Every structure is written in structure tokens, then in C-alpha cells.
Amino acid sequence: MKQSSPFVFTTGVLGYPILFVLLIWIVFWFEIRFGISFNDFGVRPGEVKGLRGIIFSPFIHGDIKHLFNNTIPLFVLSMALFYFYRKISWQVLLIGLVLTGILTWSIGRPANHIGASGIIYMLAAFLFFKGIFSKYYRLVALSLIVVFLYGGMLWYVTPIDPEISWEGHLSGLISGFVLSLIYRKNSIPAPKYEWEKPEYKVEEDLFMQHFDEDGNFIERRFEIKEEEEDLQSSFSEQNPLNEEEQTNITYRYIYKESKDRKK
């Protein structure tokens, strides 16, 4: 049953997000510990050398605030991806990484674009739009949760802060939307209720037998089937109880006068 279920909690659901978070923290610790900077390995738009940032930029952060702001969303959204979309999780993650980096390199300002923000926006957009397209109640609920938790990030796809790579955020948003369209047909089929199945018959439904043709409730009792009655009668005939086998229970009541009772 667990293998056939589309939602299975495995070690990868927690393991991979933890690994991603550890990697970005280790890179930042390495920079602080040895006094070096990897900012030059970010996405540099318009330069061939800057294409290497497509792979390296998500692991590089400018300061502790930047790193902390990306840690929790990266962990939560990647965990949701590996749990709800485990079959296509790695495809979405890798294609989204490359697509977000290429778009940032194409539309970005001439600067070093670093951080996992683009991947976070890609994951948030994919989870939201994919859930809406699926029309499956659990995935739609996930879309609403994403909006509730990270809906405020939408403001940062516009140039409201010159120190923030809004181009990377916008690229991630577009990438997530595109991926949700690409994998739209891989949606989990919604479960059908009994009355939606082709073999369903109204006259055999015990619940519907409580109502007449006009929809009025009818109080009725369902008797034991004749087959069950025959089975019980045949069992009693084959296994008769002798008088010796019958159990007699005798109740004996003893009334005892209390010593403290006054005469």
C-alpha cells in the first residue's frame, strides 16, 4: 500500500533538504574561516565567464542575514518538493537550477548575482502553480500554504531594493511557472468516490435505500439475510448443546449485619 501511494515519507524527504542547507552553510563558513570570497563565482550577466555562476551561485551568500533568510525557505520548499512530487523532484530541481541561472544571466544587471533566492522562487512558483493545475485537494492545499507562508516574496521580483537581485527572483518565478506547465500532465489523478465509479448502482447502495424517489428519508430496518439465517440454523443443528454442557449461573446474596449497628 505504501509503495502505491503517491505520497511516501522517505529519508530523502528530510535528507536532501538538510544536505542543501548544510552545503550553503559550509561554503559560508569556509569563506569566513579562511577570509576568502566566492562572489566572483556568481552569475555575471553578459559575460561568458559569468555562466559558471549558474551552478555555483546558489551556494554563495553575501552575509549571515542573506544566508539565514534563504535557509528556512530552501529547507521547507525543497522538503515539500521531495514529498509531494518525489518522481519528478530531481528533474524539477536540476532543470529549474539551470533555467533560473540562464534567465538571470540574460536579463540581469552587470553584477555578481549570488544566493539561493532564485531556486527558492522557482520552488515556490512550481509548487503553487502545479498544485492549482492538478486540481487535487492535497496539492491545492499545498499551493495555499505556499501562498500563506511566502506570498510576500512577490514584492521582491520588482526593483525595490538595489542590493537585491530581483532579476534572479523573477527568473526563478518564471522558471517555476514554466516547469509547472511542462509537468502539468503528470498530475496525480484525483480519487473517485463510489458514486463516481462506472460500476456504481444506486439500488445497491445501503445509504440511498433510506430515501424514496422524492428524496424523503425513510426509516427502515435491514433484516438478516436468509443465507445467514440458514447458516446459523445449520450450525446449531450440527453442534447441539447437551444438558451437561449448559452452564448454570447461581447468584447468592448474603446479608450480614454490621457490628456497629445499634440495637
C-alpha atoms as a PDB file:
ATOM      1  CA  MET A   1       0.000   0.000   0.000  1.00  0.00           C
ATOM      2  CA  LYS A   2       2.819   2.387   0.837  1.00  0.00           C
ATOM      3  CA  GLN A   3       4.560   1.794  -2.488  1.00  0.00           C
ATOM      4  CA  SER A   4       1.370   2.506  -4.482  1.00  0.00           C
ATOM      5  CA  SER A   5       0.661   5.706  -2.577  1.00  0.00           C
ATOM      6  CA  PRO A   6       1.796   8.891  -4.366  1.00  0.00           C
ATOM      7  CA  PHE A   7       2.856  10.430  -1.050  1.00  0.00           C
ATOM      8  CA  VAL A   8       5.520   8.431   0.760  1.00  0.00           C
ATOM      9  CA  PHE A   9       7.730   9.803   3.508  1.00  0.00           C
ATOM     10  CA  THR A  10      11.272   8.581   2.871  1.00  0.00           C
ATOM     11  CA  THR A  11      14.667   9.503   4.240  1.00  0.00           C
ATOM     12  CA  GLY A  12      15.264  11.680   1.188  1.00  0.00           C
ATOM     13  CA  VAL A  13      12.356  13.945   2.103  1.00  0.00           C
ATOM     14  CA  LEU A  14      14.398  15.229   5.044  1.00  0.00           C
ATOM     15  CA  GLY A  15      17.878  14.126   3.979  1.00  0.00           C
ATOM     16  CA  TYR A  16      18.213  16.087   0.739  1.00  0.00           C
ATOM     17  CA  PRO A  17      16.896  19.414   2.118  1.00  0.00           C
ATOM     18  CA  ILE A  18      19.228  19.080   5.100  1.00  0.00           C
ATOM     19  CA  LEU A  19      22.108  18.400   2.706  1.00  0.00           C
ATOM     20  CA  PHE A  20      21.306  21.530   0.683  1.00  0.00           C
ATOM     21  CA  VAL A  21      21.210  23.671   3.814  1.00  0.00           C
ATOM     22  CA  LEU A  22      24.475  22.180   5.112  1.00  0.00           C
ATOM     23  CA  LEU A  23      26.239  22.887   1.828  1.00  0.00           C
ATOM     24  CA  ILE A  24      25.373  26.597   1.783  1.00  0.00           C
ATOM     25  CA  TRP A  25      26.362  26.931   5.443  1.00  0.00           C
ATOM     26  CA  ILE A  26      29.653  25.076   4.903  1.00  0.00           C
ATOM     27  CA  VAL A  27      30.536  27.334   1.968  1.00  0.00           C
ATOM     28  CA  PHE A  28      29.792  30.420   4.042  1.00  0.00           C
ATOM     29  CA  TRP A  29      31.824  29.048   6.987  1.00  0.00           C
ATOM     30  CA  PHE A  30      34.711  28.330   4.626  1.00  0.00           C
ATOM     31  CA  GLU A  31      34.677  31.945   3.427  1.00  0.00           C
ATOM     32  CA  ILE A  32      34.648  33.317   6.983  1.00  0.00           C
ATOM     33  CA  ARG A  33      37.216  30.847   8.315  1.00  0.00           C
ATOM     34  CA  PHE A  34      39.824  31.435   5.612  1.00  0.00           C
ATOM     35  CA  GLY A  35      38.959  35.032   4.778  1.00  0.00           C
ATOM     36  CA  ILE A  36      38.171  34.482   1.116  1.00  0.00           C
ATOM     37  CA  SER A  37      35.216  35.418  -1.071  1.00  0.00           C
ATOM     38  CA  PHE A  38      33.466  33.362  -3.731  1.00  0.00           C
ATOM     39  CA  ASN A  39      31.371  36.260  -5.032  1.00  0.00           C
ATOM     40  CA  ASP A  40      33.209  36.160  -8.349  1.00  0.00           C
ATOM     41  CA  PHE A  41      31.668  32.729  -8.937  1.00  0.00           C
ATOM     42  CA  GLY A  42      28.179  34.230  -9.096  1.00  0.00           C
ATOM     43  CA  VAL A  43      26.126  34.773 -12.234  1.00  0.00           C
ATOM     44  CA  ARG A  44      27.696  37.635 -14.203  1.00  0.00           C
ATOM     45  CA  PRO A  45      25.235  38.660 -16.969  1.00  0.00           C
ATOM     46  CA  GLY A  46      26.655  39.327 -20.387  1.00  0.00           C
ATOM     47  CA  GLU A  47      29.972  37.574 -19.691  1.00  0.00           C
ATOM     48  CA  VAL A  48      30.853  34.050 -20.752  1.00  0.00           C
ATOM     49  CA  LYS A  49      32.822  33.657 -17.547  1.00  0.00           C
ATOM     50  CA  GLY A  50      29.693  34.501 -15.609  1.00  0.00           C
ATOM     51  CA  LEU A  51      27.933  31.369 -16.855  1.00  0.00           C
ATOM     52  CA  ARG A  52      29.708  29.307 -14.208  1.00  0.00           C
ATOM     53  CA  GLY A  53      27.530  31.047 -11.671  1.00  0.00           C
ATOM     54  CA  ILE A  54      24.569  29.026 -12.909  1.00  0.00           C
ATOM     55  CA  ILE A  55      25.946  26.101 -10.894  1.00  0.00           C
ATOM     56  CA  PHE A  56      27.873  27.852  -8.114  1.00  0.00           C
ATOM     57  CA  SER A  57      25.792  30.946  -7.278  1.00  0.00           C
ATOM     58  CA  PRO A  58      23.049  29.172  -5.222  1.00  0.00           C
ATOM     59  CA  PHE A  59      25.708  28.108  -2.694  1.00  0.00           C
ATOM     60  CA  ILE A  60      27.236  31.586  -2.248  1.00  0.00           C
ATOM     61  CA  HIS A  61      25.817  34.255   0.091  1.00  0.00           C
ATOM     62  CA  GLY A  62      26.951  37.759   0.891  1.00  0.00           C
ATOM     63  CA  ASP A  63      26.412  37.838   4.675  1.00  0.00           C
ATOM     64  CA  ILE A  64      24.813  35.958   7.555  1.00  0.00           C
ATOM     65  CA  LYS A  65      21.480  37.747   7.104  1.00  0.00           C
ATOM     66  CA  HIS A  66      21.321  36.749   3.460  1.00  0.00           C
ATOM     67  CA  LEU A  67      22.181  33.176   4.379  1.00  0.00           C
ATOM     68  CA  PHE A  68      19.654  32.944   7.216  1.00  0.00           C
ATOM     69  CA  ASN A  69      16.820  34.395   5.118  1.00  0.00           C
ATOM     70  CA  ASN A  70      17.366  31.674   2.491  1.00  0.00           C
ATOM     71  CA  THR A  71      17.901  28.745   4.861  1.00  0.00           C
ATOM     72  CA  ILE A  72      14.368  28.132   6.127  1.00  0.00           C
ATOM     73  CA  PRO A  73      12.517  28.670   2.806  1.00  0.00           C
ATOM     74  CA  LEU A  74      15.008  26.440   0.997  1.00  0.00           C
ATOM     75  CA  PHE A  75      14.527  23.676   3.544  1.00  0.00           C
ATOM     76  CA  VAL A  76      10.709  23.875   3.685  1.00  0.00           C
ATOM     77  CA  LEU A  77      10.089  24.186  -0.058  1.00  0.00           C
ATOM     78  CA  SER A  78      12.584  21.511  -1.087  1.00  0.00           C
ATOM     79  CA  MET A  79      11.110  19.143   1.508  1.00  0.00           C
ATOM     80  CA  ALA A  80       7.628  19.760   0.060  1.00  0.00           C
ATOM     81  CA  LEU A  81       9.001  19.071  -3.424  1.00  0.00           C
ATOM     82  CA  PHE A  82      10.544  15.724  -2.459  1.00  0.00           C
ATOM     83  CA  TYR A  83       7.430  14.618  -0.562  1.00  0.00           C
ATOM     84  CA  PHE A  84       4.614  15.643  -2.913  1.00  0.00           C
ATOM     85  CA  TYR A  85       6.484  15.296  -6.221  1.00  0.00           C
ATOM     86  CA  ARG A  86       9.101  12.636  -5.491  1.00  0.00           C
ATOM     87  CA  LYS A  87       9.007  11.141  -9.010  1.00  0.00           C
ATOM     88  CA  ILE A  88       9.932  14.404 -10.733  1.00  0.00           C
ATOM     89  CA  SER A  89      11.677  16.161  -7.831  1.00  0.00           C
ATOM     90  CA  TRP A  90      15.235  15.902  -9.167  1.00  0.00           C
ATOM     91  CA  GLN A  91      14.182  16.841 -12.673  1.00  0.00           C
ATOM     92  CA  VAL A  92      12.408  19.953 -11.400  1.00  0.00           C
ATOM     93  CA  LEU A  93      15.337  20.887  -9.172  1.00  0.00           C
ATOM     94  CA  LEU A  94      18.093  20.477 -11.767  1.00  0.00           C
ATOM     95  CA  ILE A  95      16.187  21.926 -14.726  1.00  0.00           C
ATOM     96  CA  GLY A  96      14.970  24.769 -12.553  1.00  0.00           C
ATOM     97  CA  LEU A  97      18.522  25.483 -11.406  1.00  0.00           C
ATOM     98  CA  VAL A  98      19.826  25.739 -14.964  1.00  0.00           C
ATOM     99  CA  LEU A  99      16.822  27.632 -16.330  1.00  0.00           C
ATOM    100  CA  THR A 100      16.860  30.166 -13.491  1.00  0.00           C
ATOM    101  CA  GLY A 101      20.581  30.760 -13.960  1.00  0.00           C
ATOM    102  CA  ILE A 102      20.286  31.240 -17.722  1.00  0.00           C
ATOM    103  CA  LEU A 103      17.411  33.713 -17.359  1.00  0.00           C
ATOM    104  CA  THR A 104      19.331  35.649 -14.704  1.00  0.00           C
ATOM    105  CA  TRP A 105      22.374  35.769 -16.961  1.00  0.00           C
ATOM    106  CA  SER A 106      20.176  37.012 -19.813  1.00  0.00           C
ATOM    107  CA  ILE A 107      18.215  39.797 -18.072  1.00  0.00           C
ATOM    108  CA  GLY A 108      20.368  40.658 -15.071  1.00  0.00           C
ATOM    109  CA  ARG A 109      22.340  43.808 -14.367  1.00  0.00           C
ATOM    110  CA  PRO A 110      26.139  43.741 -14.795  1.00  0.00           C
ATOM    111  CA  ALA A 111      26.876  42.487 -11.283  1.00  0.00           C
ATOM    112  CA  ASN A 112      27.554  39.253  -9.404  1.00  0.00           C
ATOM    113  CA  HIS A 113      24.189  37.612  -8.698  1.00  0.00           C
ATOM    114  CA  ILE A 114      24.591  35.176  -5.805  1.00  0.00           C
ATOM    115  CA  GLY A 115      22.371  33.282  -3.374  1.00  0.00           C
ATOM    116  CA  ALA A 116      19.739  30.552  -3.375  1.00  0.00           C
ATOM    117  CA  SER A 117      16.894  33.052  -3.742  1.00  0.00           C
ATOM    118  CA  GLY A 118      16.338  32.171  -7.393  1.00  0.00           C
ATOM    119  CA  ILE A 119      15.915  28.483  -6.524  1.00  0.00           C
ATOM    120  CA  ILE A 120      13.536  29.391  -3.701  1.00  0.00           C
ATOM    121  CA  TYR A 121      11.351  31.440  -6.045  1.00  0.00           C
ATOM    122  CA  MET A 122      11.453  28.634  -8.577  1.00  0.00           C
ATOM    123  CA  LEU A 123      10.295  26.080  -5.983  1.00  0.00           C
ATOM    124  CA  ALA A 124       7.570  28.355  -4.627  1.00  0.00           C
ATOM    125  CA  ALA A 125       6.217  29.102  -8.114  1.00  0.00           C
ATOM    126  CA  PHE A 126       6.315  25.442  -9.162  1.00  0.00           C
ATOM    127  CA  LEU A 127       4.548  24.196  -6.011  1.00  0.00           C
ATOM    128  CA  PHE A 128       1.880  26.878  -6.301  1.00  0.00           C
ATOM    129  CA  PHE A 129       1.033  26.583  -9.993  1.00  0.00           C
ATOM    130  CA  LYS A 130       1.450  22.805 -10.133  1.00  0.00           C
ATOM    131  CA  GLY A 131      -0.991  22.385  -7.245  1.00  0.00           C
ATOM    132  CA  ILE A 132      -3.563  24.638  -8.895  1.00  0.00           C
ATOM    133  CA  PHE A 133      -3.241  22.827 -12.237  1.00  0.00           C
ATOM    134  CA  SER A 134      -3.562  19.399 -10.627  1.00  0.00           C
ATOM    135  CA  LYS A 135      -6.976  20.124  -9.013  1.00  0.00           C
ATOM    136  CA  TYR A 136      -6.075  17.505  -6.407  1.00  0.00           C
ATOM    137  CA  TYR A 137      -7.174  18.613  -2.952  1.00  0.00           C
ATOM    138  CA  ARG A 138      -3.870  17.903  -1.182  1.00  0.00           C
ATOM    139  CA  LEU A 139      -1.812  19.688  -3.800  1.00  0.00           C
ATOM    140  CA  VAL A 140      -4.229  22.619  -3.902  1.00  0.00           C
ATOM    141  CA  ALA A 141      -3.915  22.838  -0.119  1.00  0.00           C
ATOM    142  CA  LEU A 142      -0.132  22.885  -0.542  1.00  0.00           C
ATOM    143  CA  SER A 143      -0.484  25.774  -3.001  1.00  0.00           C
ATOM    144  CA  LEU A 144      -2.489  27.741  -0.451  1.00  0.00           C
ATOM    145  CA  ILE A 145       0.092  27.042   2.243  1.00  0.00           C
ATOM    146  CA  VAL A 146       2.876  28.281  -0.038  1.00  0.00           C
ATOM    147  CA  VAL A 147       0.942  31.490  -0.691  1.00  0.00           C
ATOM    148  CA  PHE A 148       0.266  31.943   3.021  1.00  0.00           C
ATOM    149  CA  LEU A 149       3.895  31.444   4.026  1.00  0.00           C
ATOM    150  CA  TYR A 150       5.766  33.048   1.138  1.00  0.00           C
ATOM    151  CA  GLY A 151       3.246  35.172  -0.723  1.00  0.00           C
ATOM    152  CA  GLY A 152       5.066  38.291   0.454  1.00  0.00           C
ATOM    153  CA  MET A 153       8.084  37.341  -1.637  1.00  0.00           C
ATOM    154  CA  LEU A 154       6.213  38.505  -4.710  1.00  0.00           C
ATOM    155  CA  TRP A 155       7.205  42.093  -3.943  1.00  0.00           C
ATOM    156  CA  TYR A 156      10.878  41.266  -4.453  1.00  0.00           C
ATOM    157  CA  VAL A 157      10.518  40.373  -8.123  1.00  0.00           C
ATOM    158  CA  THR A 158      10.471  44.130  -8.748  1.00  0.00           C
ATOM    159  CA  PRO A 159      13.450  46.523  -8.361  1.00  0.00           C
ATOM    160  CA  ILE A 160      12.501  47.887  -4.931  1.00  0.00           C
ATOM    161  CA  ASP A 161      15.966  47.360  -3.432  1.00  0.00           C
ATOM    162  CA  PRO A 162      19.160  47.914  -5.467  1.00  0.00           C
ATOM    163  CA  GLU A 163      21.072  45.442  -3.269  1.00  0.00           C
ATOM    164  CA  ILE A 164      18.676  42.595  -4.050  1.00  0.00           C
ATOM    165  CA  SER A 165      18.872  40.586  -7.262  1.00  0.00           C
ATOM    166  CA  TRP A 166      15.261  40.994  -8.337  1.00  0.00           C
ATOM    167  CA  GLU A 167      16.293  39.620 -11.716  1.00  0.00           C
ATOM    168  CA  GLY A 168      17.198  36.316 -10.057  1.00  0.00           C
ATOM    169  CA  HIS A 169      13.875  36.285  -8.202  1.00  0.00           C
ATOM    170  CA  LEU A 170      11.932  36.994 -11.376  1.00  0.00           C
ATOM    171  CA  SER A 171      13.895  34.340 -13.257  1.00  0.00           C
ATOM    172  CA  GLY A 172      13.053  31.785 -10.573  1.00  0.00           C
ATOM    173  CA  LEU A 173       9.381  32.719 -10.678  1.00  0.00           C
ATOM    174  CA  ILE A 174       9.247  32.325 -14.446  1.00  0.00           C
ATOM    175  CA  SER A 175      11.181  29.045 -14.312  1.00  0.00           C
ATOM    176  CA  GLY A 176       8.813  27.561 -11.725  1.00  0.00           C
ATOM    177  CA  PHE A 177       5.787  28.543 -13.793  1.00  0.00           C
ATOM    178  CA  VAL A 178       7.276  27.058 -16.958  1.00  0.00           C
ATOM    179  CA  LEU A 179       8.112  23.796 -15.174  1.00  0.00           C
ATOM    180  CA  SER A 180       4.579  23.559 -13.791  1.00  0.00           C
ATOM    181  CA  LEU A 181       3.321  23.745 -17.379  1.00  0.00           C
ATOM    182  CA  ILE A 182       5.833  21.171 -18.610  1.00  0.00           C
ATOM    183  CA  TYR A 183       4.861  18.673 -15.884  1.00  0.00           C
ATOM    184  CA  ARG A 184       1.200  19.565 -15.916  1.00  0.00           C
ATOM    185  CA  LYS A 185       0.162  16.179 -17.335  1.00  0.00           C
ATOM    186  CA  ASN A 186       1.981  14.305 -14.572  1.00  0.00           C
ATOM    187  CA  SER A 187      -0.616  15.363 -12.021  1.00  0.00           C
ATOM    188  CA  ILE A 188      -1.821  12.800  -9.525  1.00  0.00           C
ATOM    189  CA  PRO A 189      -5.322  11.619 -10.506  1.00  0.00           C
ATOM    190  CA  ALA A 190      -7.946  12.682  -8.009  1.00  0.00           C
ATOM    191  CA  PRO A 191      -9.563   9.723  -6.182  1.00  0.00           C
ATOM    192  CA  LYS A 192     -13.073   8.819  -7.301  1.00  0.00           C
ATOM    193  CA  TYR A 193     -15.895   8.353  -4.846  1.00  0.00           C
ATOM    194  CA  GLU A 194     -18.093   5.260  -5.005  1.00  0.00           C
ATOM    195  CA  TRP A 195     -20.893   7.065  -6.834  1.00  0.00           C
ATOM    196  CA  GLU A 196     -18.442   8.300  -9.481  1.00  0.00           C
ATOM    197  CA  LYS A 197     -17.332   4.817 -10.481  1.00  0.00           C
ATOM    198  CA  PRO A 198     -18.954   3.247 -13.585  1.00  0.00           C
ATOM    199  CA  GLU A 199     -19.947   0.064 -11.735  1.00  0.00           C
ATOM    200  CA  TYR A 200     -21.892   2.005  -9.097  1.00  0.00           C
ATOM    201  CA  LYS A 201     -25.611   1.117  -8.786  1.00  0.00           C
ATOM    202  CA  VAL A 202     -27.959   3.277  -6.772  1.00  0.00           C
ATOM    203  CA  GLU A 203     -30.311   0.441  -5.874  1.00  0.00           C
ATOM    204  CA  GLU A 204     -27.443  -1.463  -4.175  1.00  0.00           C
ATOM    205  CA  ASP A 205     -26.331   1.470  -2.083  1.00  0.00           C
ATOM    206  CA  LEU A 206     -27.494   0.888   1.513  1.00  0.00           C
ATOM    207  CA  PHE A 207     -27.396   4.597   2.266  1.00  0.00           C
ATOM    208  CA  MET A 208     -29.537   5.551  -0.713  1.00  0.00           C
ATOM    209  CA  GLN A 209     -32.107   2.926   0.253  1.00  0.00           C
ATOM    210  CA  HIS A 210     -33.069   5.189   3.144  1.00  0.00           C
ATOM    211  CA  PHE A 211     -34.592   7.675   0.684  1.00  0.00           C
ATOM    212  CA  ASP A 212     -37.552   7.463  -1.661  1.00  0.00           C
ATOM    213  CA  GLU A 213     -37.780   8.783  -5.215  1.00  0.00           C
ATOM    214  CA  ASP A 214     -38.592  12.285  -3.952  1.00  0.00           C
ATOM    215  CA  GLY A 215     -35.598  12.368  -1.634  1.00  0.00           C
ATOM    216  CA  ASN A 216     -37.614  11.886   1.570  1.00  0.00           C
ATOM    217  CA  PHE A 217     -35.996   9.946   4.379  1.00  0.00           C
ATOM    218  CA  ILE A 218     -37.412   6.502   5.060  1.00  0.00           C
ATOM    219  CA  GLU A 219     -36.786   4.815   8.368  1.00  0.00           C
ATOM    220  CA  ARG A 220     -36.315   1.141   7.740  1.00  0.00           C
ATOM    221  CA  ARG A 221     -34.530  -1.793   9.287  1.00  0.00           C
ATOM    222  CA  PHE A 222     -32.479  -4.219   7.319  1.00  0.00           C
ATOM    223  CA  GLU A 223     -33.195  -7.822   8.284  1.00  0.00           C
ATOM    224  CA  ILE A 224     -30.649 -10.596   8.354  1.00  0.00           C
ATOM    225  CA  LYS A 225     -30.303 -12.286   5.001  1.00  0.00           C
ATOM    226  CA  GLU A 226     -31.803 -15.744   4.562  1.00  0.00           C
ATOM    227  CA  GLU A 227     -28.370 -17.181   3.877  1.00  0.00           C
ATOM    228  CA  GLU A 228     -27.134 -16.009   7.262  1.00  0.00           C
ATOM    229  CA  GLU A 229     -30.232 -17.458   8.950  1.00  0.00           C
ATOM    230  CA  ASP A 230     -29.708 -20.829   7.231  1.00  0.00           C
ATOM    231  CA  LEU A 231     -26.069 -20.788   8.270  1.00  0.00           C
ATOM    232  CA  GLN A 232     -26.953 -20.155  11.895  1.00  0.00           C
ATOM    233  CA  SER A 233     -29.644 -22.845  11.948  1.00  0.00           C
ATOM    234  CA  SER A 234     -27.335 -25.408  10.338  1.00  0.00           C
ATOM    235  CA  PHE A 235     -24.615 -24.599  12.839  1.00  0.00           C
ATOM    236  CA  SER A 236     -26.965 -25.081  15.779  1.00  0.00           C
ATOM    237  CA  GLU A 237     -28.161 -28.422  14.372  1.00  0.00           C
ATOM    238  CA  GLN A 238     -24.646 -29.715  13.881  1.00  0.00           C
ATOM    239  CA  ASN A 239     -23.473 -28.550  17.298  1.00  0.00           C
ATOM    240  CA  PRO A 240     -26.278 -29.211  19.793  1.00  0.00           C
ATOM    241  CA  LEU A 241     -25.618 -28.429  23.441  1.00  0.00           C
ATOM    242  CA  ASN A 242     -26.196 -31.186  25.995  1.00  0.00           C
ATOM    243  CA  GLU A 243     -27.652 -30.506  29.368  1.00  0.00           C
ATOM    244  CA  GLU A 244     -24.265 -31.222  30.939  1.00  0.00           C
ATOM    245  CA  GLU A 245     -22.641 -28.629  28.693  1.00  0.00           C
ATOM    246  CA  GLN A 246     -25.063 -25.925  29.643  1.00  0.00           C
ATOM    247  CA  THR A 247     -23.737 -23.514  32.188  1.00  0.00           C
ATOM    248  CA  ASN A 248     -25.939 -22.599  35.112  1.00  0.00           C
ATOM    249  CA  ILE A 249     -25.111 -19.451  36.978  1.00  0.00           C
ATOM    250  CA  THR A 250     -26.388 -19.058  40.506  1.00  0.00           C
ATOM    251  CA  TYR A 251     -26.407 -15.724  42.280  1.00  0.00           C
ATOM    252  CA  ARG A 252     -26.257 -15.975  46.089  1.00  0.00           C
ATOM    253  CA  TYR A 253     -26.944 -12.882  48.143  1.00  0.00           C
ATOM    254  CA  ILE A 254     -25.635 -12.816  51.721  1.00  0.00           C
ATOM    255  CA  TYR A 255     -26.797 -10.147  54.109  1.00  0.00           C
ATOM    256  CA  LYS A 256     -24.522  -9.580  57.078  1.00  0.00           C
ATOM    257  CA  GLU A 257     -25.444  -7.354  59.976  1.00  0.00           C
ATOM    258  CA  SER A 258     -22.844  -4.737  60.808  1.00  0.00           C
ATOM    259  CA  LYS A 259     -21.294  -4.856  64.261  1.00  0.00           C
ATOM    260  CA  ASP A 260     -21.572  -1.102  64.635  1.00  0.00           C
ATOM    261  CA  ARG A 261     -25.339  -1.165  64.158  1.00  0.00           C
ATOM    262  CA  LYS A 262     -27.242  -0.129  67.233  1.00  0.00           C
ATOM    263  CA  LYS A 263     -29.750  -2.500  68.682  1.00  0.00           C
END
